[in-house]
């Protein structure tokens, strides 16, 4: 009899665990849905990151050529500046001569204003 009672108790315990496991389906389904949604977001983010990496790789590969072109452009501007500087001719006369000329013109203007 004890053996029958023990088997019955074990069967009841197993039945209880089966019901518990069967009732866990909705929770597992919900968790799977959440994980799938998260996976989709992560896949999307991974694609965006992959695109950003590819863009940066392309920029990095183009840097030497871009820098070379800019150096050539800078050299052209420097050569033009040097050429322009060499083509400048010195201004004749001294600062004192310029000052006298300015003073003479100022006097003419003052005389003209006094005459008016």
Protein backbone atom coordinates (compact mmCIF):
# COMPACT_ATOMS: atom_id res chain seq x y z
CA UNK A 1 0.00 0.00 0.00
CA UNK A 2 2.82 2.35 0.81
CA UNK A 3 4.22 1.65 -2.59
CA UNK A 4 0.91 2.53 -4.23
CA UNK A 5 0.66 5.72 -2.19
CA UNK A 6 4.28 6.67 -3.05
CA UNK A 7 3.68 6.12 -6.76
CA UNK A 8 0.47 8.17 -6.56
CA UNK A 9 2.31 11.02 -4.85
CA UNK A 10 5.08 10.92 -7.44
CA UNK A 11 2.53 10.88 -10.25
CA UNK A 12 0.72 13.87 -8.71
CA UNK A 13 4.02 15.70 -8.34
CA UNK A 14 4.96 14.99 -11.96
CA UNK A 15 1.48 16.05 -13.11
CA UNK A 16 1.84 19.30 -11.18
CA UNK A 17 5.21 19.99 -12.82
CA UNK A 18 3.73 19.21 -16.26
CA UNK A 19 0.95 21.76 -15.69
CA UNK A 20 3.52 24.29 -14.49
CA UNK A 21 5.63 23.74 -17.62
CA UNK A 22 2.57 23.91 -19.90
CA UNK A 23 1.54 27.20 -18.33
CA UNK A 24 4.96 28.66 -19.12
CA UNK A 25 4.31 28.69 -22.90
CA UNK A 26 2.87 32.25 -22.98
CA UNK A 27 5.77 33.67 -20.96
CA UNK A 28 8.29 31.94 -23.22
CA UNK A 29 6.44 33.16 -26.33
CA UNK A 30 6.41 36.72 -25.00
CA UNK A 31 10.14 36.59 -24.20
CA UNK A 32 10.87 35.17 -27.66
CA UNK A 33 8.89 38.03 -29.26
CA UNK A 34 10.82 40.58 -27.22
CA UNK A 35 14.13 38.98 -28.16
CA UNK A 36 13.20 38.87 -31.86
CA UNK A 37 12.26 42.57 -31.77
CA UNK A 38 15.53 43.39 -30.04
CA UNK A 39 17.42 41.30 -32.59
CA UNK A 40 15.83 43.28 -35.43
CA UNK A 41 16.93 46.55 -33.81
CA UNK A 42 20.44 45.23 -33.29
CA UNK A 43 20.67 43.99 -36.89
CA UNK A 44 19.54 47.42 -38.10
CA UNK A 45 22.10 49.14 -35.86
CA UNK A 46 24.81 46.74 -37.04
CA UNK A 47 24.01 47.60 -40.67
CA UNK A 48 24.24 51.33 -39.85
CA UNK A 49 27.57 50.80 -38.10
CA UNK A 50 28.88 48.75 -41.04
CA UNK A 51 27.93 51.56 -43.43
CA UNK A 52 29.63 54.14 -41.19
CA UNK A 53 32.78 52.01 -41.04
CA UNK A 54 32.80 51.66 -44.84
CA UNK A 55 32.36 55.43 -45.25
CA UNK A 56 35.23 56.17 -42.86
CA UNK A 57 37.42 53.58 -44.58
CA UNK A 58 36.76 55.26 -47.93
CA UNK A 59 37.55 58.71 -46.48
CA UNK A 60 40.78 57.36 -45.01
CA UNK A 61 41.79 55.82 -48.34
CA UNK A 62 41.12 59.15 -50.11
CA UNK A 63 43.13 61.22 -47.60
CA UNK A 64 46.55 60.91 -49.26
CA UNK A 65 45.19 62.04 -52.63
CA UNK A 66 43.21 64.89 -51.07
CA UNK A 67 46.22 66.05 -49.05
CA UNK A 68 48.43 65.86 -52.16
CA UNK A 69 46.00 68.00 -54.16
CA UNK A 70 45.81 70.55 -51.34
CA UNK A 71 49.61 70.70 -51.15
CA UNK A 72 49.78 71.32 -54.90
CA UNK A 73 47.17 74.08 -54.56
CA UNK A 74 49.10 75.62 -51.66
CA UNK A 75 52.34 75.48 -53.68
CA UNK A 76 50.62 77.26 -56.58
CA UNK A 77 49.44 80.03 -54.25
CA UNK A 78 52.91 80.36 -52.74
CA UNK A 79 54.50 80.58 -56.21
CA UNK A 80 51.95 83.22 -57.24
CA UNK A 81 52.66 85.22 -54.08
CA UNK A 82 56.41 85.03 -54.68
CA UNK A 83 55.95 86.11 -58.32
CA UNK A 84 53.71 88.99 -57.24
CA UNK A 85 56.21 90.09 -54.61
CA UNK A 86 59.07 90.03 -57.11
CA UNK A 87 57.04 92.12 -59.55
CA UNK A 88 56.53 94.90 -56.99
CA UNK A 89 58.53 97.99 -57.78
CA UNK A 90 59.84 100.20 -55.03
CA UNK A 91 57.95 103.43 -54.48
CA UNK A 92 60.09 106.40 -55.36
CA UNK A 93 60.68 109.11 -52.81
CA UNK A 94 61.11 109.03 -49.10
CA UNK A 95 58.64 109.20 -46.27
CA UNK A 96 59.66 112.83 -45.71
CA UNK A 97 58.81 113.66 -49.35
CA UNK A 98 55.44 111.99 -48.94
CA UNK A 99 54.79 113.92 -45.73
CA UNK A 100 55.60 117.27 -47.47
CA UNK A 101 53.27 116.41 -50.35
CA UNK A 102 50.47 115.56 -47.93
CA UNK A 103 51.01 118.80 -46.00
CA UNK A 104 50.93 120.83 -49.24
CA UNK A 105 47.65 119.18 -50.26
CA UNK A 106 46.22 119.80 -46.79
CA UNK A 107 47.15 123.50 -47.09
CA UNK A 108 45.47 123.73 -50.49
CA UNK A 109 42.32 122.16 -49.01
CA UNK A 110 42.37 124.56 -46.03
CA UNK A 111 42.83 127.58 -48.32
CA UNK A 112 39.97 126.39 -50.47
CA UNK A 113 37.73 125.95 -47.41
CA UNK A 114 38.67 129.40 -46.07
CA UNK A 115 37.88 130.92 -49.44
CA UNK A 116 34.40 129.44 -49.34
